[in-house]
N, C-alpha and C. Protein backbone atom coordinates (compact mmCIF):
# COMPACT_ATOMS: atom_id res chain seq x y z
N UNK A 1 -17.00 -7.92 6.16
CA UNK A 1 -16.69 -6.64 5.58
C UNK A 1 -15.26 -6.64 5.06
N UNK A 2 -15.09 -6.29 3.80
CA UNK A 2 -13.77 -6.24 3.20
C UNK A 2 -13.06 -4.96 3.62
N UNK A 3 -11.81 -5.08 4.04
CA UNK A 3 -11.01 -3.92 4.44
C UNK A 3 -10.44 -3.24 3.20
N UNK A 4 -10.32 -1.92 3.28
CA UNK A 4 -9.80 -1.12 2.17
C UNK A 4 -8.69 -0.20 2.67
N UNK A 5 -7.77 0.13 1.80
CA UNK A 5 -6.82 1.22 2.03
C UNK A 5 -7.22 2.32 1.06
N UNK A 6 -7.21 3.56 1.53
CA UNK A 6 -7.73 4.67 0.74
C UNK A 6 -6.64 5.62 0.26
N UNK A 7 -6.85 6.13 -0.95
CA UNK A 7 -6.14 7.29 -1.46
C UNK A 7 -7.04 8.48 -1.13
N UNK A 8 -6.56 9.67 -1.41
CA UNK A 8 -7.35 10.87 -1.10
C UNK A 8 -7.38 11.77 -2.33
N UNK A 9 -8.60 12.10 -2.77
CA UNK A 9 -8.79 12.92 -3.97
C UNK A 9 -9.01 14.37 -3.59
N UNK A 10 -8.26 15.26 -4.20
CA UNK A 10 -8.41 16.69 -3.99
C UNK A 10 -9.78 17.12 -4.52
N UNK A 11 -10.53 17.86 -3.73
CA UNK A 11 -11.86 18.32 -4.17
C UNK A 11 -11.77 19.41 -5.23
N UNK A 12 -10.65 20.09 -5.34
CA UNK A 12 -10.53 21.17 -6.31
C UNK A 12 -10.05 20.69 -7.68
N UNK A 13 -9.00 19.84 -7.70
CA UNK A 13 -8.45 19.45 -9.00
C UNK A 13 -8.58 17.95 -9.29
N UNK A 14 -8.97 17.15 -8.30
CA UNK A 14 -9.19 15.72 -8.50
C UNK A 14 -7.94 14.86 -8.40
N UNK A 15 -6.77 15.46 -8.14
CA UNK A 15 -5.53 14.69 -8.03
C UNK A 15 -5.63 13.69 -6.87
N UNK A 16 -5.12 12.48 -7.10
CA UNK A 16 -5.11 11.45 -6.06
C UNK A 16 -3.79 11.47 -5.31
N UNK A 17 -3.86 11.26 -4.01
CA UNK A 17 -2.68 11.23 -3.15
C UNK A 17 -2.70 9.99 -2.27
N UNK A 18 -1.57 9.33 -2.19
CA UNK A 18 -1.37 8.25 -1.22
C UNK A 18 0.10 8.25 -0.86
N UNK A 19 0.43 8.33 0.41
CA UNK A 19 -0.47 8.47 1.55
C UNK A 19 -1.05 9.88 1.65
N UNK A 20 -1.84 10.12 2.69
CA UNK A 20 -2.51 11.40 2.90
C UNK A 20 -1.52 12.55 2.93
N UNK A 21 -1.90 13.66 2.36
CA UNK A 21 -1.11 14.90 2.38
C UNK A 21 -1.98 16.02 2.94
N UNK A 22 -1.36 16.97 3.58
CA UNK A 22 -2.10 18.11 4.14
C UNK A 22 -2.50 19.11 3.05
N UNK A 23 -1.69 19.21 1.99
CA UNK A 23 -1.94 20.15 0.89
C UNK A 23 -1.77 19.39 -0.42
N UNK A 24 -2.64 19.67 -1.38
CA UNK A 24 -2.56 19.01 -2.68
C UNK A 24 -1.25 19.36 -3.38
N UNK A 25 -0.51 18.34 -3.84
CA UNK A 25 0.76 18.60 -4.51
C UNK A 25 0.56 19.11 -5.94
N UNK A 26 -0.64 18.96 -6.49
CA UNK A 26 -0.91 19.45 -7.84
C UNK A 26 -1.32 20.92 -7.85
N UNK A 27 -2.38 21.25 -7.11
CA UNK A 27 -2.89 22.63 -7.14
C UNK A 27 -2.40 23.46 -5.95
N UNK A 28 -1.96 22.80 -4.88
CA UNK A 28 -1.42 23.51 -3.73
C UNK A 28 -2.43 24.35 -2.97
N UNK A 29 -3.69 24.14 -3.21
CA UNK A 29 -4.72 25.01 -2.66
C UNK A 29 -5.47 24.45 -1.47
N UNK A 30 -5.48 23.16 -1.30
CA UNK A 30 -6.34 22.54 -0.30
C UNK A 30 -5.81 22.64 1.12
N UNK A 31 -6.75 22.60 2.06
CA UNK A 31 -6.44 22.40 3.46
C UNK A 31 -6.65 20.94 3.78
N UNK A 32 -6.40 20.52 5.03
CA UNK A 32 -6.46 19.09 5.38
C UNK A 32 -7.85 18.46 5.32
N UNK A 33 -8.90 19.24 5.28
CA UNK A 33 -10.25 18.67 5.25
C UNK A 33 -10.90 18.78 3.88
N UNK A 34 -10.11 19.00 2.86
CA UNK A 34 -10.64 19.17 1.51
C UNK A 34 -10.24 18.04 0.58
N UNK A 35 -10.22 16.82 1.12
CA UNK A 35 -9.92 15.62 0.36
C UNK A 35 -11.02 14.60 0.61
N UNK A 36 -11.33 13.81 -0.40
CA UNK A 36 -12.31 12.74 -0.25
C UNK A 36 -11.60 11.40 -0.34
N UNK A 37 -11.91 10.46 0.58
CA UNK A 37 -11.28 9.14 0.51
C UNK A 37 -11.78 8.35 -0.69
N UNK A 38 -10.86 7.66 -1.34
CA UNK A 38 -11.16 6.84 -2.52
C UNK A 38 -10.45 5.49 -2.32
N UNK A 39 -11.17 4.37 -2.37
CA UNK A 39 -10.49 3.07 -2.19
C UNK A 39 -9.41 2.86 -3.26
N UNK A 40 -8.26 2.38 -2.81
CA UNK A 40 -7.19 2.07 -3.75
C UNK A 40 -7.51 0.78 -4.50
N UNK A 41 -7.14 0.71 -5.78
CA UNK A 41 -7.28 -0.57 -6.49
C UNK A 41 -6.31 -1.58 -5.89
N UNK A 42 -6.56 -2.84 -6.10
CA UNK A 42 -5.71 -3.88 -5.52
C UNK A 42 -4.85 -4.58 -6.56
N UNK A 43 -4.97 -4.19 -7.82
CA UNK A 43 -4.18 -4.80 -8.89
C UNK A 43 -3.06 -3.84 -9.27
N UNK A 44 -1.91 -4.42 -9.63
CA UNK A 44 -0.81 -3.57 -10.04
C UNK A 44 0.36 -4.36 -10.58
N UNK A 45 1.50 -3.65 -10.74
CA UNK A 45 2.72 -4.22 -11.29
C UNK A 45 3.85 -4.01 -10.29
N UNK A 46 4.60 -5.06 -10.03
CA UNK A 46 5.72 -5.00 -9.09
C UNK A 46 6.88 -4.24 -9.73
N UNK A 47 7.28 -3.12 -9.11
CA UNK A 47 8.36 -2.30 -9.66
C UNK A 47 9.72 -2.68 -9.07
N UNK A 48 9.77 -2.95 -7.77
CA UNK A 48 11.01 -3.34 -7.13
C UNK A 48 10.67 -4.08 -5.84
N UNK A 49 11.63 -4.84 -5.32
CA UNK A 49 11.37 -5.60 -4.09
C UNK A 49 12.67 -5.88 -3.35
N UNK A 50 12.52 -6.26 -2.09
CA UNK A 50 13.65 -6.66 -1.27
C UNK A 50 13.15 -7.64 -0.21
N UNK A 51 14.07 -8.32 0.43
CA UNK A 51 13.74 -9.21 1.55
C UNK A 51 14.47 -8.73 2.80
N UNK A 52 13.75 -8.71 3.92
CA UNK A 52 14.32 -8.35 5.21
C UNK A 52 14.45 -9.64 6.01
N UNK A 53 15.64 -9.89 6.57
CA UNK A 53 15.91 -11.15 7.25
C UNK A 53 15.98 -11.03 8.77
N UNK A 54 16.29 -9.86 9.32
CA UNK A 54 16.39 -9.68 10.77
C UNK A 54 15.23 -8.83 11.24
N UNK A 55 14.14 -9.49 11.60
CA UNK A 55 12.90 -8.80 11.95
C UNK A 55 12.65 -8.81 13.44
N UNK A 56 11.92 -7.81 13.96
CA UNK A 56 11.48 -7.86 15.35
C UNK A 56 10.54 -9.05 15.57
N UNK A 57 10.43 -9.51 16.80
CA UNK A 57 9.64 -10.71 17.13
C UNK A 57 8.18 -10.62 16.73
N UNK A 58 7.59 -9.43 16.75
CA UNK A 58 6.15 -9.33 16.45
C UNK A 58 5.80 -9.68 15.00
N UNK A 59 6.78 -9.83 14.12
CA UNK A 59 6.48 -10.22 12.74
C UNK A 59 6.28 -11.72 12.58
N UNK A 60 6.80 -12.53 13.45
CA UNK A 60 6.57 -13.97 13.49
C UNK A 60 6.95 -14.70 12.20
N UNK A 61 7.88 -14.15 11.44
CA UNK A 61 8.39 -14.81 10.24
C UNK A 61 9.91 -14.64 10.20
N UNK A 62 10.59 -15.56 9.51
CA UNK A 62 12.05 -15.48 9.41
C UNK A 62 12.49 -14.50 8.33
N UNK A 63 11.67 -14.34 7.29
CA UNK A 63 12.01 -13.48 6.16
C UNK A 63 10.75 -12.77 5.70
N UNK A 64 10.88 -11.48 5.41
CA UNK A 64 9.74 -10.68 4.99
C UNK A 64 10.04 -10.03 3.65
N UNK A 65 9.18 -10.28 2.67
CA UNK A 65 9.31 -9.63 1.37
C UNK A 65 8.55 -8.32 1.37
N UNK A 66 9.17 -7.28 0.84
CA UNK A 66 8.54 -5.97 0.68
C UNK A 66 8.69 -5.54 -0.77
N UNK A 67 7.66 -4.92 -1.31
CA UNK A 67 7.73 -4.48 -2.69
C UNK A 67 7.02 -3.16 -2.93
N UNK A 68 7.50 -2.43 -3.91
CA UNK A 68 6.83 -1.23 -4.37
C UNK A 68 6.02 -1.63 -5.59
N UNK A 69 4.71 -1.35 -5.53
CA UNK A 69 3.78 -1.75 -6.58
C UNK A 69 3.14 -0.50 -7.18
N UNK A 70 3.14 -0.43 -8.51
CA UNK A 70 2.39 0.62 -9.18
C UNK A 70 0.99 0.08 -9.41
N UNK A 71 0.02 0.71 -8.75
CA UNK A 71 -1.37 0.25 -8.84
C UNK A 71 -1.97 0.63 -10.20
N UNK A 72 -3.11 0.04 -10.51
CA UNK A 72 -3.73 0.26 -11.82
C UNK A 72 -4.14 1.71 -12.05
N UNK A 73 -4.25 2.53 -10.99
CA UNK A 73 -4.58 3.94 -11.17
C UNK A 73 -3.34 4.83 -11.24
N UNK A 74 -2.13 4.22 -11.23
CA UNK A 74 -0.89 4.98 -11.35
C UNK A 74 -0.21 5.32 -10.04
N UNK A 75 -0.92 5.23 -8.91
CA UNK A 75 -0.29 5.48 -7.62
C UNK A 75 0.62 4.31 -7.26
N UNK A 76 1.62 4.60 -6.45
CA UNK A 76 2.54 3.56 -6.00
C UNK A 76 2.42 3.38 -4.49
N UNK A 77 2.58 2.13 -4.06
CA UNK A 77 2.54 1.88 -2.62
C UNK A 77 3.49 0.76 -2.27
N UNK A 78 3.93 0.79 -1.01
CA UNK A 78 4.78 -0.26 -0.46
C UNK A 78 3.88 -1.28 0.22
N UNK A 79 4.15 -2.54 0.02
CA UNK A 79 3.38 -3.59 0.66
C UNK A 79 4.21 -4.83 0.89
N UNK A 80 3.69 -5.71 1.70
CA UNK A 80 4.36 -6.99 1.92
C UNK A 80 4.11 -7.90 0.72
N UNK A 81 5.08 -8.77 0.44
CA UNK A 81 4.95 -9.72 -0.67
C UNK A 81 4.80 -11.13 -0.12
N UNK A 82 3.80 -11.83 -0.59
CA UNK A 82 3.63 -13.25 -0.29
C UNK A 82 3.87 -14.01 -1.60
N UNK A 83 5.10 -13.87 -2.11
CA UNK A 83 5.50 -14.45 -3.39
C UNK A 83 6.87 -15.07 -3.18
N UNK A 84 7.00 -16.37 -3.43
CA UNK A 84 8.27 -17.07 -3.18
C UNK A 84 9.40 -16.55 -4.06
N UNK A 85 9.12 -16.32 -5.34
CA UNK A 85 10.16 -15.90 -6.28
C UNK A 85 9.65 -14.71 -7.11
N UNK A 86 9.63 -13.50 -6.52
CA UNK A 86 9.09 -12.34 -7.25
C UNK A 86 9.97 -11.95 -8.43
N UNK A 87 9.33 -11.39 -9.45
CA UNK A 87 10.02 -10.92 -10.65
C UNK A 87 9.59 -9.48 -10.93
N UNK A 88 10.54 -8.65 -11.30
CA UNK A 88 10.20 -7.27 -11.66
C UNK A 88 9.24 -7.26 -12.83
N UNK A 89 8.23 -6.42 -12.74
CA UNK A 89 7.26 -6.30 -13.82
C UNK A 89 6.10 -7.28 -13.75
N UNK A 90 6.14 -8.20 -12.78
CA UNK A 90 5.04 -9.17 -12.70
C UNK A 90 3.76 -8.51 -12.19
N UNK A 91 2.62 -9.04 -12.63
CA UNK A 91 1.32 -8.55 -12.18
C UNK A 91 1.02 -9.14 -10.80
N UNK A 92 0.53 -8.29 -9.92
CA UNK A 92 0.20 -8.72 -8.56
C UNK A 92 -1.19 -8.22 -8.20
N UNK A 93 -1.76 -8.86 -7.18
CA UNK A 93 -3.04 -8.44 -6.63
C UNK A 93 -2.89 -8.44 -5.12
N UNK A 94 -3.45 -7.43 -4.47
CA UNK A 94 -3.28 -7.28 -3.03
C UNK A 94 -4.57 -7.51 -2.25
N UNK A 95 -4.38 -7.81 -0.98
CA UNK A 95 -5.47 -7.91 -0.01
C UNK A 95 -5.02 -7.22 1.26
N UNK A 96 -5.94 -6.56 1.94
CA UNK A 96 -5.63 -5.93 3.21
C UNK A 96 -5.71 -7.01 4.29
N UNK A 97 -4.58 -7.23 4.96
CA UNK A 97 -4.48 -8.29 5.96
C UNK A 97 -3.68 -7.79 7.16
N UNK A 98 -3.69 -8.58 8.22
CA UNK A 98 -2.85 -8.27 9.37
C UNK A 98 -1.40 -8.47 8.95
N UNK A 99 -0.57 -7.44 9.12
CA UNK A 99 0.84 -7.53 8.75
C UNK A 99 1.74 -7.56 9.99
N UNK A 100 1.19 -7.19 11.14
CA UNK A 100 1.98 -7.23 12.38
C UNK A 100 1.03 -7.26 13.56
N UNK A 101 1.39 -8.04 14.56
CA UNK A 101 0.61 -8.12 15.80
C UNK A 101 1.44 -7.53 16.93
N UNK A 102 0.78 -6.73 17.74
CA UNK A 102 1.40 -6.22 18.96
C UNK A 102 0.59 -6.74 20.12
N UNK A 103 0.91 -6.37 21.33
CA UNK A 103 0.29 -6.94 22.52
C UNK A 103 -1.23 -7.08 22.38
N UNK A 104 -1.93 -6.01 22.13
CA UNK A 104 -3.39 -6.07 22.02
C UNK A 104 -3.88 -5.39 20.74
N UNK A 105 -3.03 -5.32 19.76
CA UNK A 105 -3.40 -4.61 18.54
C UNK A 105 -2.96 -5.39 17.31
N UNK A 106 -3.73 -5.22 16.26
CA UNK A 106 -3.37 -5.77 14.95
C UNK A 106 -3.13 -4.60 14.02
N UNK A 107 -2.05 -4.67 13.26
CA UNK A 107 -1.74 -3.64 12.27
C UNK A 107 -2.02 -4.21 10.89
N UNK A 108 -2.81 -3.47 10.11
CA UNK A 108 -3.22 -3.95 8.80
C UNK A 108 -2.42 -3.23 7.71
N UNK A 109 -2.19 -3.93 6.61
CA UNK A 109 -1.52 -3.37 5.46
C UNK A 109 -1.82 -4.22 4.24
N UNK A 110 -1.28 -3.83 3.11
CA UNK A 110 -1.51 -4.56 1.88
C UNK A 110 -0.49 -5.69 1.74
N UNK A 111 -0.99 -6.88 1.43
CA UNK A 111 -0.16 -8.04 1.14
C UNK A 111 -0.41 -8.43 -0.31
N UNK A 112 0.65 -8.41 -1.11
CA UNK A 112 0.52 -8.69 -2.54
C UNK A 112 0.91 -10.13 -2.84
N UNK A 113 0.15 -10.74 -3.76
CA UNK A 113 0.43 -12.08 -4.27
C UNK A 113 0.42 -12.03 -5.80
N UNK A 114 1.02 -13.03 -6.43
CA UNK A 114 1.03 -13.09 -7.90
C UNK A 114 -0.41 -13.14 -8.43
N UNK A 115 -0.67 -12.41 -9.49
CA UNK A 115 -2.01 -12.38 -10.07
C UNK A 115 -2.27 -13.62 -10.89
């Protein structure tokens, strides 16, 4: 089964939100149960990035790339980068993977690679 990360579509005006919001920022009318989950696209464009060098032990890497990606539907999200030499404006594709392990839990997030 392929893992997905979801945006949330307002049932009244159709506006997409990521991450989840309690009230629609477009129409301002919805309550928390008036959104439908919509899978986020996995293709996008890298807008900005940085590298973190001093990480907690549960990350198990010496350096972690993070980037803000504008997805093909216009929403933006933060994700890990598995790209040795990222460039602004490059096309990327993401997969939902384990991004951090804790004692008995796995935390999933989007990991982007060059398209």
